[in-house]
Amino acid sequence: MLLVLTLHIAFLLLWAGTLLYFPQLLAQQASAQDDEDRQRSLKMQHTLYAFVMTPSGLLTILFGIWLLFARGFSGGWLPVKLTLVLFMVFFHLYCGNLMEQLREEGPVHSVWFYRMLLLAPILLIPAVVALVVQKPF
């Protein structure tokens, strides 16, 4: 069971890191001055999203579900944590939609908008960790 917990935490760290970095890549593409910069930024986004962000998110959730069934559904904090994780999933999918929108239409939002997206994972990730560590209720 410790191996499953270790894998869950390791993939959570990867997923959280990509959720924190991805808005910067969106802002970088939105502020790109020439086509070469836009293409390089788009390639970085796609590579990160497809080969690191999505697999680590899926594996985090898979190992988390495994832990839920192995350890049981106990504590009032757990539904709150799962709701916050669901928001992380929605944010992940929203970033993917923004990436596709940037690829197809170009920037429809200001660079400031893309930079402000960073607030979502900055608030969600510590809240999830705090709930797991403290189990306040």
Protein backbone atom coordinates (compact mmCIF):
# COMPACT_ATOMS: atom_id res chain seq x y z
CA MET A 1 0.00 0.00 0.00
CA LEU A 2 2.95 2.32 0.62
CA LEU A 3 3.96 1.90 -3.02
CA VAL A 4 0.52 3.04 -4.16
CA LEU A 5 0.66 6.04 -1.82
CA THR A 6 4.16 6.90 -3.04
CA LEU A 7 3.06 6.71 -6.68
CA HIS A 8 -0.02 8.82 -5.92
CA ILE A 9 2.11 11.53 -4.31
CA ALA A 10 4.79 11.40 -7.02
CA PHE A 11 2.28 11.79 -9.83
CA LEU A 12 0.45 14.50 -7.87
CA LEU A 13 3.70 16.45 -7.70
CA LEU A 14 4.18 16.13 -11.46
CA TRP A 15 0.58 17.08 -12.20
CA ALA A 16 0.66 20.04 -9.80
CA GLY A 17 3.89 21.32 -11.33
CA THR A 18 2.43 21.22 -14.82
CA LEU A 19 -0.77 22.92 -13.68
CA LEU A 20 1.38 25.71 -12.26
CA TYR A 21 3.55 26.03 -15.37
CA PHE A 22 0.95 25.69 -18.12
CA PRO A 23 -0.62 29.16 -17.73
CA GLN A 24 2.85 30.65 -18.29
CA LEU A 25 3.11 28.78 -21.60
CA LEU A 26 -0.31 30.10 -22.62
CA ALA A 27 0.78 33.65 -21.77
CA GLN A 28 4.01 33.13 -23.67
CA GLN A 29 2.14 32.09 -26.80
CA ALA A 30 -0.38 34.93 -26.46
CA SER A 31 2.46 37.45 -26.31
CA ALA A 32 4.59 35.86 -29.06
CA GLN A 33 5.72 38.42 -31.63
CA ASP A 34 6.40 36.16 -34.60
CA ASP A 35 5.22 32.87 -36.02
CA GLU A 36 8.36 31.00 -34.98
CA ASP A 37 7.82 31.91 -31.31
CA ARG A 38 4.14 30.96 -31.55
CA GLN A 39 4.96 27.57 -33.07
CA ARG A 40 7.66 26.83 -30.49
CA SER A 41 5.30 27.78 -27.66
CA LEU A 42 2.50 25.67 -29.12
CA LYS A 43 4.83 22.67 -29.43
CA MET A 44 5.92 23.08 -25.80
CA GLN A 45 2.28 23.32 -24.69
CA HIS A 46 1.23 20.27 -26.65
CA THR A 47 4.19 18.20 -25.44
CA LEU A 48 3.63 19.14 -21.82
CA TYR A 49 -0.14 18.65 -21.99
CA ALA A 50 -0.13 15.37 -23.90
CA PHE A 51 2.93 13.63 -22.48
CA VAL A 52 3.29 14.90 -18.91
CA MET A 53 0.25 16.82 -17.67
CA THR A 54 -2.52 14.46 -18.77
CA PRO A 55 -0.77 11.16 -17.95
CA SER A 56 0.32 12.40 -14.53
CA GLY A 57 -3.19 13.70 -13.81
CA LEU A 58 -4.75 10.39 -14.83
CA LEU A 59 -2.25 8.37 -12.81
CA THR A 60 -2.77 10.62 -9.78
CA ILE A 61 -6.50 9.98 -9.97
CA LEU A 62 -6.06 6.25 -10.64
CA PHE A 63 -3.80 5.75 -7.61
CA GLY A 64 -6.06 8.01 -5.55
CA ILE A 65 -9.07 5.84 -6.37
CA TRP A 66 -7.03 2.77 -5.47
CA LEU A 67 -6.23 4.35 -2.10
CA LEU A 68 -9.88 5.24 -1.55
CA PHE A 69 -10.99 1.67 -2.01
CA ALA A 70 -8.08 0.25 -0.02
CA ARG A 71 -8.38 2.63 2.93
CA GLY A 72 -12.07 3.39 2.86
CA PHE A 73 -14.16 6.51 2.59
CA SER A 74 -13.84 8.07 6.02
CA GLY A 75 -13.71 11.61 7.30
CA GLY A 76 -15.70 14.70 6.46
CA TRP A 77 -12.63 16.26 4.84
CA LEU A 78 -12.60 13.66 2.06
CA PRO A 79 -15.62 14.93 0.07
CA VAL A 80 -14.19 18.45 0.24
CA LYS A 81 -10.81 17.21 -0.98
CA LEU A 82 -12.42 15.24 -3.82
CA THR A 83 -14.39 18.33 -4.84
CA LEU A 84 -11.17 20.37 -4.98
CA VAL A 85 -9.53 17.62 -7.04
CA LEU A 86 -12.50 17.79 -9.40
CA PHE A 87 -11.84 21.53 -9.77
CA MET A 88 -8.23 20.68 -10.60
CA VAL A 89 -9.48 18.32 -13.32
CA PHE A 90 -11.76 21.06 -14.68
CA PHE A 91 -8.85 23.49 -14.67
CA HIS A 92 -6.71 20.93 -16.50
CA LEU A 93 -9.38 20.50 -19.18
CA TYR A 94 -9.90 24.26 -19.42
CA CYS A 95 -6.17 24.71 -20.07
CA GLY A 96 -6.43 22.17 -22.88
CA ASN A 97 -9.35 24.08 -24.37
CA LEU A 98 -7.41 27.34 -24.16
CA MET A 99 -4.43 25.67 -25.85
CA GLU A 100 -6.64 24.54 -28.74
CA GLN A 101 -8.27 27.97 -28.93
CA LEU A 102 -4.87 29.65 -29.13
CA ARG A 103 -3.78 27.21 -31.82
CA GLU A 104 -6.89 27.70 -33.95
CA GLU A 105 -7.88 31.32 -33.37
CA GLY A 106 -4.90 33.00 -31.77
CA PRO A 107 -5.16 34.90 -28.50
CA VAL A 108 -8.72 35.93 -27.70
CA HIS A 109 -7.79 37.02 -24.16
CA SER A 110 -5.14 39.40 -22.91
CA VAL A 111 -1.78 38.15 -21.70
CA TRP A 112 -2.90 39.28 -18.24
CA PHE A 113 -5.82 36.82 -18.40
CA TYR A 114 -3.49 33.89 -19.12
CA ARG A 115 -1.14 34.93 -16.31
CA MET A 116 -4.04 35.22 -13.86
CA LEU A 117 -4.97 31.60 -14.57
CA LEU A 118 -2.07 30.72 -12.28
CA LEU A 119 -4.25 31.68 -9.31
CA ALA A 120 -6.43 28.57 -9.68
CA PRO A 121 -3.70 25.99 -9.02
CA ILE A 122 -2.03 28.29 -6.47
CA LEU A 123 -5.24 28.12 -4.43
CA LEU A 124 -6.30 24.53 -5.17
CA ILE A 125 -3.06 22.61 -4.65
CA PRO A 126 -2.24 23.88 -1.12
CA ALA A 127 -5.88 23.45 -0.10
CA VAL A 128 -5.86 19.80 -1.18
CA VAL A 129 -2.55 19.14 0.58
CA ALA A 130 -3.74 20.89 3.75
CA LEU A 131 -6.91 18.81 3.86
CA VAL A 132 -4.99 15.56 3.44
CA VAL A 133 -2.33 16.39 6.02
CA GLN A 134 -4.55 18.03 8.66
CA LYS A 135 -7.81 16.09 8.14
CA PRO A 136 -9.59 18.95 9.94
CA PHE A 137 -13.04 17.35 10.15
